[in-house]
N, C-alpha and C. Protein backbone atom coordinates (compact mmCIF):
# COMPACT_ATOMS: atom_id res chain seq x y z
N VAL A 1 83.19 49.05 151.17
CA VAL A 1 82.34 49.02 152.34
C VAL A 1 81.80 50.43 152.64
N GLU A 2 82.71 51.42 152.54
CA GLU A 2 82.30 52.79 152.80
C GLU A 2 81.20 53.24 151.84
N LYS A 3 81.35 52.88 150.57
CA LYS A 3 80.36 53.24 149.57
C LYS A 3 79.01 52.59 149.88
N GLU A 4 79.03 51.34 150.30
CA GLU A 4 77.79 50.64 150.66
C GLU A 4 77.12 51.30 151.87
N GLU A 5 77.93 51.68 152.85
CA GLU A 5 77.39 52.37 154.03
C GLU A 5 76.77 53.71 153.66
N ASN A 6 77.44 54.44 152.80
CA ASN A 6 76.90 55.73 152.35
C ASN A 6 75.60 55.55 151.58
N GLN A 7 75.52 54.50 150.77
CA GLN A 7 74.29 54.22 150.01
C GLN A 7 73.14 53.91 150.97
N LYS A 8 73.41 53.16 152.02
CA LYS A 8 72.38 52.85 153.02
C LYS A 8 71.89 54.12 153.70
N LYS A 9 72.83 54.99 154.07
CA LYS A 9 72.46 56.26 154.71
C LYS A 9 71.60 57.11 153.78
N MET A 10 71.99 57.14 152.51
CA MET A 10 71.26 57.95 151.54
C MET A 10 69.85 57.38 151.34
N LYS A 11 69.72 56.07 151.23
CA LYS A 11 68.40 55.46 151.05
C LYS A 11 67.51 55.75 152.25
N GLN A 12 68.06 55.64 153.46
CA GLN A 12 67.29 55.94 154.66
C GLN A 12 66.87 57.40 154.69
N ALA A 13 67.78 58.29 154.31
CA ALA A 13 67.47 59.72 154.26
C ALA A 13 66.35 60.00 153.26
N MET A 14 66.36 59.31 152.12
CA MET A 14 65.32 59.50 151.11
C MET A 14 63.96 59.07 151.66
N LEU A 15 63.94 58.00 152.44
CA LEU A 15 62.67 57.54 153.03
C LEU A 15 62.14 58.54 154.06
N GLU A 16 63.02 59.23 154.74
CA GLU A 16 62.63 60.23 155.74
C GLU A 16 62.30 61.59 155.13
N LEU A 17 62.75 61.80 153.91
CA LEU A 17 62.64 63.10 153.25
C LEU A 17 61.21 63.65 153.20
N GLY A 18 60.25 62.79 152.91
CA GLY A 18 58.87 63.20 152.75
C GLY A 18 58.23 63.79 153.99
N LYS A 19 58.84 63.58 155.15
CA LYS A 19 58.28 64.14 156.39
C LYS A 19 58.44 65.65 156.45
N ARG A 20 59.44 66.16 155.74
CA ARG A 20 59.71 67.60 155.80
C ARG A 20 59.66 68.30 154.45
N TYR A 21 59.90 67.56 153.36
CA TYR A 21 60.04 68.18 152.05
C TYR A 21 59.04 67.63 151.04
N GLY A 22 58.63 68.50 150.14
CA GLY A 22 57.88 68.12 148.96
C GLY A 22 58.71 68.51 147.76
N ILE A 23 58.31 68.05 146.59
CA ILE A 23 59.05 68.34 145.37
C ILE A 23 58.18 69.11 144.40
N PHE A 24 58.75 70.16 143.84
CA PHE A 24 58.16 70.84 142.71
C PHE A 24 58.94 70.43 141.47
N TYR A 25 58.21 70.05 140.44
CA TYR A 25 58.83 69.71 139.16
C TYR A 25 58.26 70.66 138.11
N PHE A 26 59.11 71.48 137.50
CA PHE A 26 58.71 72.43 136.48
C PHE A 26 59.12 71.89 135.11
N TYR A 27 58.19 71.92 134.16
CA TYR A 27 58.46 71.38 132.84
C TYR A 27 57.64 72.10 131.77
N ARG A 28 57.99 71.80 130.53
CA ARG A 28 57.19 72.24 129.38
C ARG A 28 56.78 70.99 128.64
N GLY A 29 55.50 70.84 128.39
CA GLY A 29 54.96 69.64 127.77
C GLY A 29 55.49 69.37 126.37
N GLU A 30 55.89 70.40 125.66
CA GLU A 30 56.41 70.25 124.29
C GLU A 30 57.93 70.15 124.24
N ASP A 31 58.59 70.29 125.37
CA ASP A 31 60.05 70.27 125.42
C ASP A 31 60.56 68.83 125.44
N ALA A 32 61.47 68.49 124.53
CA ALA A 32 62.00 67.12 124.43
C ALA A 32 62.71 66.69 125.70
N TYR A 33 63.47 67.59 126.32
CA TYR A 33 64.17 67.26 127.56
C TYR A 33 63.18 67.00 128.70
N SER A 34 62.15 67.82 128.76
CA SER A 34 61.14 67.63 129.79
C SER A 34 60.44 66.29 129.61
N LYS A 35 60.13 65.93 128.38
CA LYS A 35 59.46 64.64 128.13
C LYS A 35 60.31 63.48 128.62
N LYS A 36 61.60 63.51 128.33
CA LYS A 36 62.50 62.44 128.78
C LYS A 36 62.65 62.45 130.30
N PHE A 37 62.86 63.65 130.84
CA PHE A 37 63.11 63.75 132.28
C PHE A 37 61.86 63.42 133.09
N SER A 38 60.68 63.62 132.54
CA SER A 38 59.45 63.31 133.27
C SER A 38 59.42 61.85 133.70
N ARG A 39 59.92 60.96 132.86
CA ARG A 39 59.98 59.54 133.24
C ARG A 39 60.91 59.33 134.42
N ILE A 40 62.03 60.02 134.42
CA ILE A 40 63.01 59.89 135.50
C ILE A 40 62.43 60.39 136.81
N ILE A 41 61.82 61.58 136.80
CA ILE A 41 61.30 62.15 138.04
C ILE A 41 60.12 61.33 138.57
N ARG A 42 59.29 60.78 137.69
CA ARG A 42 58.20 59.92 138.15
C ARG A 42 58.74 58.70 138.88
N MET A 43 59.77 58.09 138.32
CA MET A 43 60.37 56.91 138.94
C MET A 43 61.02 57.28 140.28
N PHE A 44 61.71 58.40 140.30
CA PHE A 44 62.36 58.87 141.52
C PHE A 44 61.34 59.08 142.64
N VAL A 45 60.26 59.77 142.33
CA VAL A 45 59.23 60.08 143.32
C VAL A 45 58.57 58.79 143.81
N LYS A 46 58.28 57.90 142.89
CA LYS A 46 57.64 56.63 143.26
C LYS A 46 58.57 55.80 144.14
N ASN A 47 59.83 55.66 143.75
CA ASN A 47 60.78 54.85 144.51
C ASN A 47 61.02 55.38 145.92
N ASN A 48 60.92 56.69 146.07
CA ASN A 48 61.20 57.30 147.37
C ASN A 48 59.95 57.74 148.11
N GLN A 49 58.79 57.39 147.58
CA GLN A 49 57.50 57.68 148.22
C GLN A 49 57.37 59.15 148.63
N LEU A 50 57.61 60.03 147.65
CA LEU A 50 57.58 61.47 147.89
C LEU A 50 56.35 62.11 147.26
N GLU A 51 55.95 63.23 147.80
CA GLU A 51 54.87 64.03 147.22
C GLU A 51 55.49 65.02 146.24
N MET A 52 54.84 65.14 145.09
CA MET A 52 55.37 66.05 144.07
C MET A 52 54.23 66.83 143.43
N ARG A 53 54.51 68.09 143.13
CA ARG A 53 53.60 68.92 142.36
C ARG A 53 54.30 69.23 141.05
N ALA A 54 53.73 68.78 139.94
CA ALA A 54 54.28 69.05 138.61
C ALA A 54 53.61 70.30 138.06
N VAL A 55 54.42 71.24 137.57
CA VAL A 55 53.91 72.51 137.06
C VAL A 55 54.32 72.68 135.60
N SER A 56 53.32 72.69 134.71
CA SER A 56 53.57 72.89 133.29
C SER A 56 53.69 74.38 133.01
N LEU A 57 54.79 74.77 132.39
CA LEU A 57 55.01 76.18 132.10
C LEU A 57 54.41 76.61 130.77
N ASP A 58 54.08 75.65 129.92
CA ASP A 58 53.51 76.00 128.62
C ASP A 58 52.04 75.58 128.48
N GLY A 59 51.44 75.11 129.57
CA GLY A 59 50.03 74.73 129.55
C GLY A 59 49.76 73.35 128.99
N ILE A 60 50.78 72.65 128.51
CA ILE A 60 50.61 71.30 127.97
C ILE A 60 50.91 70.32 129.09
N ILE A 61 49.86 69.64 129.52
CA ILE A 61 49.90 68.77 130.70
C ILE A 61 50.40 67.37 130.35
N ASP A 62 51.27 66.85 131.20
CA ASP A 62 51.68 65.45 131.13
C ASP A 62 50.70 64.69 132.02
N LYS A 63 49.84 63.91 131.42
CA LYS A 63 48.75 63.25 132.16
C LYS A 63 49.23 62.13 133.08
N GLU A 64 50.51 61.80 133.02
CA GLU A 64 51.07 60.77 133.90
C GLU A 64 51.26 61.27 135.34
N PHE A 65 51.23 62.57 135.54
CA PHE A 65 51.40 63.13 136.88
C PHE A 65 50.05 63.29 137.56
N LYS A 66 49.99 62.92 138.85
CA LYS A 66 48.76 63.09 139.63
C LYS A 66 48.52 64.55 139.98
N ASN A 67 49.47 65.15 140.64
CA ASN A 67 49.35 66.55 141.10
C ASN A 67 49.95 67.48 140.06
N ASN A 68 49.22 67.68 138.99
CA ASN A 68 49.71 68.42 137.84
C ASN A 68 48.91 69.70 137.67
N VAL A 69 49.61 70.81 137.52
CA VAL A 69 48.92 72.09 137.30
C VAL A 69 49.65 72.86 136.20
N THR A 70 48.94 73.82 135.62
CA THR A 70 49.60 74.73 134.68
C THR A 70 49.96 76.00 135.45
N ASP A 71 50.98 76.67 134.99
CA ASP A 71 51.43 77.88 135.66
C ASP A 71 50.38 78.97 135.54
N LYS A 72 49.86 79.39 136.68
CA LYS A 72 48.90 80.50 136.73
C LYS A 72 49.41 81.52 137.74
N GLY A 73 50.70 81.79 137.62
CA GLY A 73 51.31 82.75 138.53
C GLY A 73 52.16 82.13 139.62
N GLN A 74 52.16 80.79 139.72
CA GLN A 74 52.97 80.13 140.76
C GLN A 74 54.45 80.45 140.60
N ILE A 75 54.90 80.49 139.33
CA ILE A 75 56.31 80.74 139.05
C ILE A 75 56.72 82.10 139.61
N GLU A 76 55.91 83.09 139.34
CA GLU A 76 56.18 84.44 139.83
C GLU A 76 56.16 84.47 141.35
N LYS A 77 55.15 83.83 141.93
CA LYS A 77 54.99 83.80 143.38
C LYS A 77 56.17 83.10 144.07
N LEU A 78 56.67 82.04 143.45
CA LEU A 78 57.79 81.29 144.01
C LEU A 78 59.14 81.94 143.72
N GLY A 79 59.15 82.94 142.86
CA GLY A 79 60.38 83.67 142.55
C GLY A 79 61.31 82.93 141.60
N VAL A 80 60.75 82.09 140.73
CA VAL A 80 61.58 81.33 139.78
C VAL A 80 61.11 81.58 138.35
N ARG A 81 60.92 82.82 138.03
CA ARG A 81 60.32 83.24 136.75
C ARG A 81 61.08 82.76 135.51
N ASP A 82 62.38 82.89 135.48
CA ASP A 82 63.17 82.55 134.29
C ASP A 82 63.85 81.19 134.42
N ILE A 83 63.16 80.24 134.96
CA ILE A 83 63.73 78.93 135.23
C ILE A 83 63.94 78.11 133.95
N LYS A 84 65.07 77.43 133.89
CA LYS A 84 65.36 76.52 132.78
C LYS A 84 64.73 75.17 133.13
N VAL A 85 64.06 74.55 132.17
CA VAL A 85 63.40 73.27 132.42
C VAL A 85 64.10 72.14 131.67
N PRO A 86 63.90 70.94 132.15
CA PRO A 86 63.17 70.54 133.35
C PRO A 86 63.91 70.96 134.61
N ALA A 87 63.16 71.27 135.66
CA ALA A 87 63.75 71.72 136.91
C ALA A 87 63.08 71.05 138.10
N VAL A 88 63.89 70.73 139.10
CA VAL A 88 63.41 70.11 140.32
C VAL A 88 63.81 70.99 141.49
N MET A 89 62.84 71.23 142.38
CA MET A 89 63.11 72.00 143.59
C MET A 89 62.44 71.33 144.77
N LEU A 90 63.10 71.40 145.90
CA LEU A 90 62.50 70.93 147.14
C LEU A 90 61.75 72.08 147.79
N PHE A 91 60.64 71.75 148.44
CA PHE A 91 59.93 72.74 149.24
C PHE A 91 60.00 72.28 150.69
N ASP A 92 60.64 73.08 151.53
CA ASP A 92 60.78 72.76 152.94
C ASP A 92 59.53 73.27 153.66
N VAL A 93 58.69 72.35 154.12
CA VAL A 93 57.44 72.76 154.77
C VAL A 93 57.68 73.41 156.12
N LYS A 94 58.83 73.12 156.74
CA LYS A 94 59.16 73.71 158.03
C LYS A 94 59.51 75.18 157.91
N THR A 95 60.26 75.54 156.85
CA THR A 95 60.71 76.93 156.68
C THR A 95 60.01 77.65 155.54
N SER A 96 59.17 76.94 154.78
CA SER A 96 58.51 77.47 153.58
C SER A 96 59.52 77.97 152.56
N GLN A 97 60.66 77.32 152.50
CA GLN A 97 61.74 77.72 151.59
C GLN A 97 61.80 76.78 150.39
N LEU A 98 62.08 77.35 149.24
CA LEU A 98 62.26 76.59 148.01
C LEU A 98 63.76 76.38 147.81
N ILE A 99 64.16 75.13 147.58
CA ILE A 99 65.57 74.79 147.46
C ILE A 99 65.84 74.20 146.08
N PRO A 100 66.57 74.90 145.21
CA PRO A 100 66.87 74.37 143.88
C PRO A 100 67.70 73.09 143.97
N VAL A 101 67.32 72.08 143.19
CA VAL A 101 68.03 70.80 143.15
C VAL A 101 68.71 70.61 141.81
N SER A 102 67.94 70.80 140.72
CA SER A 102 68.54 70.61 139.40
C SER A 102 67.75 71.33 138.33
N THR A 103 68.46 71.69 137.26
CA THR A 103 67.84 72.14 136.03
C THR A 103 68.51 71.34 134.91
N GLY A 104 67.73 71.01 133.90
CA GLY A 104 68.26 70.17 132.83
C GLY A 104 68.19 68.70 133.21
N MET A 105 68.81 67.89 132.38
CA MET A 105 68.77 66.44 132.56
C MET A 105 69.77 65.97 133.61
N VAL A 106 69.28 65.19 134.57
CA VAL A 106 70.13 64.49 135.53
C VAL A 106 69.52 63.10 135.74
N GLY A 107 70.32 62.17 136.21
CA GLY A 107 69.84 60.82 136.47
C GLY A 107 69.31 60.68 137.88
N ILE A 108 68.69 59.54 138.16
CA ILE A 108 68.13 59.28 139.49
C ILE A 108 69.20 59.33 140.56
N ASN A 109 70.34 58.70 140.31
CA ASN A 109 71.41 58.69 141.31
C ASN A 109 71.88 60.10 141.64
N GLU A 110 72.02 60.92 140.62
CA GLU A 110 72.45 62.30 140.85
C GLU A 110 71.39 63.09 141.62
N LEU A 111 70.12 62.87 141.31
CA LEU A 111 69.05 63.52 142.07
C LEU A 111 69.14 63.14 143.53
N GLU A 112 69.29 61.85 143.80
CA GLU A 112 69.39 61.38 145.19
C GLU A 112 70.59 62.01 145.89
N GLU A 113 71.73 62.01 145.23
CA GLU A 113 72.94 62.57 145.84
C GLU A 113 72.78 64.06 146.14
N ARG A 114 72.23 64.80 145.18
CA ARG A 114 72.05 66.24 145.39
C ARG A 114 71.09 66.51 146.54
N ILE A 115 69.98 65.81 146.55
CA ILE A 115 68.99 66.02 147.61
C ILE A 115 69.56 65.62 148.96
N TYR A 116 70.28 64.52 148.99
CA TYR A 116 70.91 64.08 150.24
C TYR A 116 71.86 65.16 150.76
N LEU A 117 72.70 65.68 149.89
CA LEU A 117 73.64 66.72 150.32
C LEU A 117 72.92 67.99 150.76
N LEU A 118 71.89 68.39 150.03
CA LEU A 118 71.17 69.61 150.36
C LEU A 118 70.40 69.51 151.67
N THR A 119 69.94 68.32 152.01
CA THR A 119 69.11 68.17 153.20
C THR A 119 69.86 67.65 154.41
N SER A 120 71.10 67.23 154.23
CA SER A 120 71.83 66.68 155.37
C SER A 120 72.91 67.62 155.90
N VAL A 121 73.05 68.79 155.28
CA VAL A 121 74.04 69.76 155.74
C VAL A 121 73.57 70.35 157.07
N LYS A 122 74.44 70.33 158.03
CA LYS A 122 74.12 70.89 159.36
C LYS A 122 74.37 72.38 159.36
N GLU A 123 73.53 73.09 160.07
CA GLU A 123 73.69 74.54 160.16
C GLU A 123 74.92 74.87 161.01
N VAL A 124 75.69 75.84 160.57
CA VAL A 124 76.85 76.28 161.31
C VAL A 124 76.41 77.34 162.31
N GLU A 125 76.79 77.14 163.57
CA GLU A 125 76.34 78.08 164.61
C GLU A 125 77.43 79.08 164.95
N ASN A 126 77.27 80.30 164.54
CA ASN A 126 78.13 81.43 164.91
C ASN A 126 79.58 81.05 165.19
N GLU A 127 80.20 80.38 164.27
CA GLU A 127 81.60 80.02 164.45
C GLU A 127 82.49 81.16 163.98
N ASP A 128 83.54 81.43 164.74
CA ASP A 128 84.52 82.43 164.34
C ASP A 128 85.58 81.76 163.47
N TYR A 129 85.98 82.42 162.42
CA TYR A 129 87.00 81.85 161.52
C TYR A 129 88.30 82.57 161.69
């Protein structure tokens, strides 16, 4: 029962996620891992109705992505120059902060769990230890 309740909370959180966060997906068009993971991230974004910007690091575009660009300095500007691909990051529109979610291959469930944990942590207010 607890697991079912947690799944419901996570699904609801994923539906609310798009109000504050966008997703950056960094990949290389010739990379075998990126090719496989691209299918996973497309399904994840579609299922959760999220906005995503896909950024090709090698200039080879995956035409399956709508918001697809090649790296023209975005990597440097975002401060993720030596990133391992495939990589997923959240962009918090409220704070303009980039939040790393994953690098390498992960499944949809793991993506959801990581994002849920990263976005549901409450800020600690000046607590003395």
